[in-house]
Amino acid sequence: MPVALEAAKKEAREEVGIDPVEVKHIWTSVCGATVVWDLYYFVVSQFTKLESQSPEEGENIKPSWFSFGDAKKLALSGKMSEDRSVAVLLRFLNTV
């Protein structure tokens, strides 16, 4: 998982514009017994805000900040397109 952790930190810097200081692995979603497509989920609890994002060419990413309550409403609204991420987010929010 060290590779996934470093990749998550890199994506946070590029796509969100933050430099993660404290990162915790919260879940690994395994697609199925015959399909290898694991998703690793992390929570960043401390970070340094960078001057700007540096997304890859063609990426149009606009980060938004949500309270835990608003994140739960978003997950339940149907506006998040990745169902596994919705499930992991709701599971996490239920623990905080």
N, C-alpha and C. Protein backbone atom coordinates (compact mmCIF):
# COMPACT_ATOMS: atom_id res chain seq x y z
N MET A 1 0.79 -1.20 0.00
CA MET A 1 0.00 0.00 0.00
C MET A 1 0.84 1.29 0.00
N PRO A 2 2.14 1.23 0.28
CA PRO A 2 2.93 2.46 0.22
C PRO A 2 2.84 3.17 -1.13
N VAL A 3 2.73 2.40 -2.21
CA VAL A 3 2.62 3.00 -3.54
C VAL A 3 1.31 3.77 -3.65
N ALA A 4 0.22 3.19 -3.15
CA ALA A 4 -1.09 3.85 -3.19
C ALA A 4 -1.07 5.12 -2.35
N LEU A 5 -0.43 5.07 -1.19
CA LEU A 5 -0.34 6.25 -0.32
C LEU A 5 0.40 7.38 -1.02
N GLU A 6 1.53 7.08 -1.64
CA GLU A 6 2.29 8.11 -2.35
C GLU A 6 1.50 8.65 -3.54
N ALA A 7 0.78 7.78 -4.23
CA ALA A 7 -0.05 8.23 -5.35
C ALA A 7 -1.17 9.14 -4.87
N ALA A 8 -1.78 8.82 -3.72
CA ALA A 8 -2.84 9.66 -3.16
C ALA A 8 -2.30 11.03 -2.79
N LYS A 9 -1.12 11.08 -2.20
CA LYS A 9 -0.50 12.37 -1.85
C LYS A 9 -0.22 13.20 -3.10
N LYS A 10 0.27 12.54 -4.14
CA LYS A 10 0.56 13.23 -5.40
C LYS A 10 -0.72 13.80 -6.00
N GLU A 11 -1.78 13.01 -6.01
CA GLU A 11 -3.07 13.48 -6.55
C GLU A 11 -3.62 14.63 -5.73
N ALA A 12 -3.45 14.60 -4.42
CA ALA A 12 -3.92 15.69 -3.56
C ALA A 12 -3.20 16.99 -3.92
N ARG A 13 -1.90 16.89 -4.16
CA ARG A 13 -1.13 18.09 -4.53
C ARG A 13 -1.57 18.61 -5.90
N GLU A 14 -1.66 17.71 -6.88
CA GLU A 14 -1.98 18.12 -8.24
C GLU A 14 -3.43 18.57 -8.40
N GLU A 15 -4.36 17.77 -7.90
CA GLU A 15 -5.77 18.00 -8.21
C GLU A 15 -6.50 18.87 -7.20
N VAL A 16 -6.08 18.82 -5.94
CA VAL A 16 -6.78 19.58 -4.90
C VAL A 16 -6.01 20.83 -4.51
N GLY A 17 -4.70 20.81 -4.69
CA GLY A 17 -3.89 21.96 -4.32
C GLY A 17 -3.53 21.99 -2.85
N ILE A 18 -3.39 20.78 -2.25
CA ILE A 18 -2.95 20.68 -0.86
C ILE A 18 -1.77 19.73 -0.78
N ASP A 19 -0.92 19.97 0.22
CA ASP A 19 0.20 19.07 0.48
C ASP A 19 -0.14 18.31 1.77
N PRO A 20 -0.53 17.05 1.66
CA PRO A 20 -0.96 16.28 2.83
C PRO A 20 0.15 16.12 3.86
N VAL A 21 -0.18 16.35 5.13
CA VAL A 21 0.76 16.16 6.23
C VAL A 21 0.39 14.90 6.99
N GLU A 22 -0.88 14.75 7.33
CA GLU A 22 -1.36 13.56 8.04
C GLU A 22 -2.40 12.86 7.18
N VAL A 23 -2.09 11.63 6.79
CA VAL A 23 -2.95 10.86 5.90
C VAL A 23 -3.20 9.49 6.52
N LYS A 24 -4.44 9.05 6.49
CA LYS A 24 -4.79 7.75 7.08
C LYS A 24 -5.57 6.92 6.05
N HIS A 25 -5.14 5.68 5.86
CA HIS A 25 -5.89 4.75 4.99
C HIS A 25 -7.15 4.34 5.73
N ILE A 26 -8.31 4.49 5.08
CA ILE A 26 -9.56 4.12 5.75
C ILE A 26 -10.27 2.93 5.11
N TRP A 27 -9.96 2.62 3.85
CA TRP A 27 -10.67 1.51 3.23
C TRP A 27 -10.00 1.11 1.93
N THR A 28 -10.07 -0.17 1.61
CA THR A 28 -9.69 -0.67 0.30
C THR A 28 -10.91 -1.37 -0.27
N SER A 29 -11.39 -0.87 -1.39
CA SER A 29 -12.56 -1.44 -2.04
C SER A 29 -12.09 -2.43 -3.10
N VAL A 30 -12.49 -3.68 -2.95
CA VAL A 30 -12.12 -4.72 -3.90
C VAL A 30 -13.33 -4.99 -4.79
N CYS A 31 -13.13 -4.90 -6.09
CA CYS A 31 -14.25 -5.00 -7.03
C CYS A 31 -14.93 -6.37 -7.00
N GLY A 32 -14.18 -7.43 -6.94
CA GLY A 32 -14.79 -8.76 -6.94
C GLY A 32 -13.74 -9.84 -6.97
N ALA A 33 -14.19 -11.08 -6.88
CA ALA A 33 -13.28 -12.21 -6.80
C ALA A 33 -12.50 -12.42 -8.10
N THR A 34 -13.11 -12.09 -9.23
CA THR A 34 -12.45 -12.37 -10.51
C THR A 34 -11.95 -11.11 -11.21
N VAL A 35 -12.22 -9.94 -10.63
CA VAL A 35 -11.78 -8.68 -11.23
C VAL A 35 -10.81 -8.00 -10.27
N VAL A 36 -9.64 -7.66 -10.76
CA VAL A 36 -8.67 -6.96 -9.92
C VAL A 36 -8.76 -5.47 -10.26
N TRP A 37 -9.40 -4.72 -9.37
CA TRP A 37 -9.51 -3.28 -9.55
C TRP A 37 -9.78 -2.68 -8.19
N ASP A 38 -8.74 -2.63 -7.38
CA ASP A 38 -8.88 -2.14 -6.02
C ASP A 38 -8.80 -0.62 -6.00
N LEU A 39 -9.60 -0.01 -5.15
CA LEU A 39 -9.54 1.43 -4.91
C LEU A 39 -9.14 1.63 -3.46
N TYR A 40 -8.16 2.46 -3.24
CA TYR A 40 -7.69 2.76 -1.89
C TYR A 40 -8.23 4.13 -1.49
N TYR A 41 -8.80 4.20 -0.31
CA TYR A 41 -9.38 5.44 0.19
C TYR A 41 -8.58 5.94 1.39
N PHE A 42 -8.30 7.24 1.38
CA PHE A 42 -7.52 7.87 2.43
C PHE A 42 -8.25 9.11 2.92
N VAL A 43 -8.00 9.47 4.17
CA VAL A 43 -8.48 10.73 4.73
C VAL A 43 -7.27 11.58 5.07
N VAL A 44 -7.30 12.81 4.64
CA VAL A 44 -6.25 13.78 4.96
C VAL A 44 -6.79 14.64 6.09
N SER A 45 -6.17 14.55 7.26
CA SER A 45 -6.65 15.32 8.41
C SER A 45 -5.82 16.57 8.67
N GLN A 46 -4.63 16.63 8.12
CA GLN A 46 -3.79 17.82 8.22
C GLN A 46 -3.10 18.03 6.87
N PHE A 47 -3.03 19.29 6.46
CA PHE A 47 -2.41 19.59 5.18
C PHE A 47 -1.96 21.04 5.15
N THR A 48 -1.13 21.33 4.17
CA THR A 48 -0.71 22.69 3.88
C THR A 48 -1.33 23.07 2.54
N LYS A 49 -1.99 24.20 2.49
CA LYS A 49 -2.60 24.66 1.25
C LYS A 49 -1.51 25.18 0.33
N LEU A 50 -1.52 24.72 -0.91
CA LEU A 50 -0.54 25.16 -1.91
C LEU A 50 -1.05 26.40 -2.63
N GLU A 51 -0.17 27.06 -3.37
CA GLU A 51 -0.54 28.26 -4.12
C GLU A 51 -1.65 27.96 -5.13
N SER A 52 -1.56 26.78 -5.77
CA SER A 52 -2.54 26.44 -6.80
C SER A 52 -2.51 24.94 -7.07
N GLN A 53 -3.43 24.50 -7.87
CA GLN A 53 -3.46 23.12 -8.35
C GLN A 53 -2.52 23.01 -9.55
N SER A 54 -2.21 21.78 -9.93
CA SER A 54 -1.45 21.55 -11.16
C SER A 54 -2.00 20.29 -11.83
N PRO A 55 -3.27 20.36 -12.28
CA PRO A 55 -3.87 19.17 -12.91
C PRO A 55 -3.20 18.84 -14.24
N GLU A 56 -3.37 17.59 -14.64
CA GLU A 56 -2.83 17.16 -15.93
C GLU A 56 -3.65 17.80 -17.04
N GLU A 57 -3.08 17.86 -18.21
CA GLU A 57 -3.77 18.46 -19.35
C GLU A 57 -5.11 17.76 -19.58
N GLY A 58 -6.14 18.55 -19.76
CA GLY A 58 -7.48 18.01 -20.00
C GLY A 58 -8.31 17.83 -18.74
N GLU A 59 -7.67 17.90 -17.58
CA GLU A 59 -8.42 17.77 -16.32
C GLU A 59 -8.98 19.13 -15.92
N ASN A 60 -10.25 19.15 -15.61
CA ASN A 60 -10.92 20.37 -15.15
C ASN A 60 -11.51 20.05 -13.78
N ILE A 61 -10.74 20.31 -12.74
CA ILE A 61 -11.12 19.91 -11.39
C ILE A 61 -11.30 21.16 -10.54
N LYS A 62 -12.47 21.25 -9.91
CA LYS A 62 -12.77 22.39 -9.04
C LYS A 62 -13.06 21.85 -7.64
N PRO A 63 -12.05 21.81 -6.77
CA PRO A 63 -12.26 21.29 -5.41
C PRO A 63 -13.28 22.14 -4.65
N SER A 64 -14.05 21.46 -3.81
CA SER A 64 -15.02 22.12 -2.94
C SER A 64 -14.84 21.58 -1.54
N TRP A 65 -15.12 22.41 -0.55
CA TRP A 65 -15.02 22.01 0.85
C TRP A 65 -16.41 21.82 1.40
N PHE A 66 -16.62 20.71 2.12
CA PHE A 66 -17.93 20.39 2.69
C PHE A 66 -17.79 20.03 4.16
N SER A 67 -18.77 20.40 4.95
CA SER A 67 -18.85 19.89 6.32
C SER A 67 -19.21 18.42 6.23
N PHE A 68 -19.06 17.68 7.33
CA PHE A 68 -19.43 16.26 7.31
C PHE A 68 -20.91 16.10 6.98
N GLY A 69 -21.75 16.96 7.54
CA GLY A 69 -23.19 16.88 7.27
C GLY A 69 -23.50 17.13 5.80
N ASP A 70 -22.86 18.13 5.21
CA ASP A 70 -23.09 18.43 3.80
C ASP A 70 -22.53 17.34 2.90
N ALA A 71 -21.40 16.72 3.31
CA ALA A 71 -20.84 15.62 2.52
C ALA A 71 -21.81 14.44 2.52
N LYS A 72 -22.45 14.18 3.66
CA LYS A 72 -23.43 13.09 3.73
C LYS A 72 -24.61 13.39 2.81
N LYS A 73 -25.10 14.63 2.84
CA LYS A 73 -26.21 15.02 1.96
C LYS A 73 -25.82 14.84 0.50
N LEU A 74 -24.60 15.23 0.15
CA LEU A 74 -24.12 15.07 -1.23
C LEU A 74 -24.09 13.60 -1.62
N ALA A 75 -23.56 12.75 -0.75
CA ALA A 75 -23.48 11.32 -1.05
C ALA A 75 -24.86 10.71 -1.25
N LEU A 76 -25.83 11.16 -0.48
CA LEU A 76 -27.18 10.60 -0.57
C LEU A 76 -28.01 11.22 -1.70
N SER A 77 -27.54 12.32 -2.27
CA SER A 77 -28.32 13.05 -3.28
C SER A 77 -28.30 12.40 -4.66
N GLY A 78 -27.36 11.49 -4.90
CA GLY A 78 -27.23 10.89 -6.21
C GLY A 78 -26.31 11.68 -7.14
N LYS A 79 -25.70 12.76 -6.65
CA LYS A 79 -24.83 13.59 -7.48
C LYS A 79 -23.40 13.06 -7.58
N MET A 80 -23.04 12.10 -6.73
CA MET A 80 -21.73 11.45 -6.84
C MET A 80 -21.90 10.26 -7.77
N SER A 81 -21.02 10.16 -8.77
CA SER A 81 -21.22 9.14 -9.81
C SER A 81 -20.58 7.79 -9.50
N GLU A 82 -19.67 7.71 -8.57
CA GLU A 82 -18.97 6.45 -8.27
C GLU A 82 -19.59 5.83 -7.02
N ASP A 83 -20.39 4.80 -7.21
CA ASP A 83 -21.13 4.20 -6.09
C ASP A 83 -20.24 3.66 -4.98
N ARG A 84 -19.09 3.09 -5.33
CA ARG A 84 -18.20 2.59 -4.27
C ARG A 84 -17.71 3.73 -3.40
N SER A 85 -17.41 4.87 -4.01
CA SER A 85 -16.96 6.02 -3.24
C SER A 85 -18.06 6.55 -2.33
N VAL A 86 -19.30 6.51 -2.79
CA VAL A 86 -20.43 6.91 -1.96
C VAL A 86 -20.51 6.01 -0.73
N ALA A 87 -20.40 4.71 -0.93
CA ALA A 87 -20.48 3.77 0.18
C ALA A 87 -19.35 3.99 1.19
N VAL A 88 -18.15 4.17 0.70
CA VAL A 88 -17.00 4.38 1.60
C VAL A 88 -17.15 5.70 2.34
N LEU A 89 -17.58 6.75 1.65
CA LEU A 89 -17.78 8.05 2.31
C LEU A 89 -18.83 7.94 3.41
N LEU A 90 -19.95 7.31 3.13
CA LEU A 90 -21.00 7.16 4.15
C LEU A 90 -20.52 6.32 5.32
N ARG A 91 -19.78 5.27 5.05
CA ARG A 91 -19.22 4.43 6.12
C ARG A 91 -18.29 5.26 7.00
N PHE A 92 -17.42 6.05 6.37
CA PHE A 92 -16.51 6.91 7.12
C PHE A 92 -17.27 7.94 7.95
N LEU A 93 -18.23 8.60 7.35
CA LEU A 93 -18.99 9.64 8.05
C LEU A 93 -19.77 9.06 9.24
N ASN A 94 -20.12 7.81 9.16
CA ASN A 94 -20.83 7.16 10.27
C ASN A 94 -19.93 6.91 11.46
N THR A 95 -18.60 7.00 11.26
CA THR A 95 -17.67 6.73 12.34
C THR A 95 -17.15 8.00 13.02
N VAL A 96 -17.42 9.15 12.44
CA VAL A 96 -16.90 10.41 13.02
C VAL A 96 -17.97 11.15 13.79
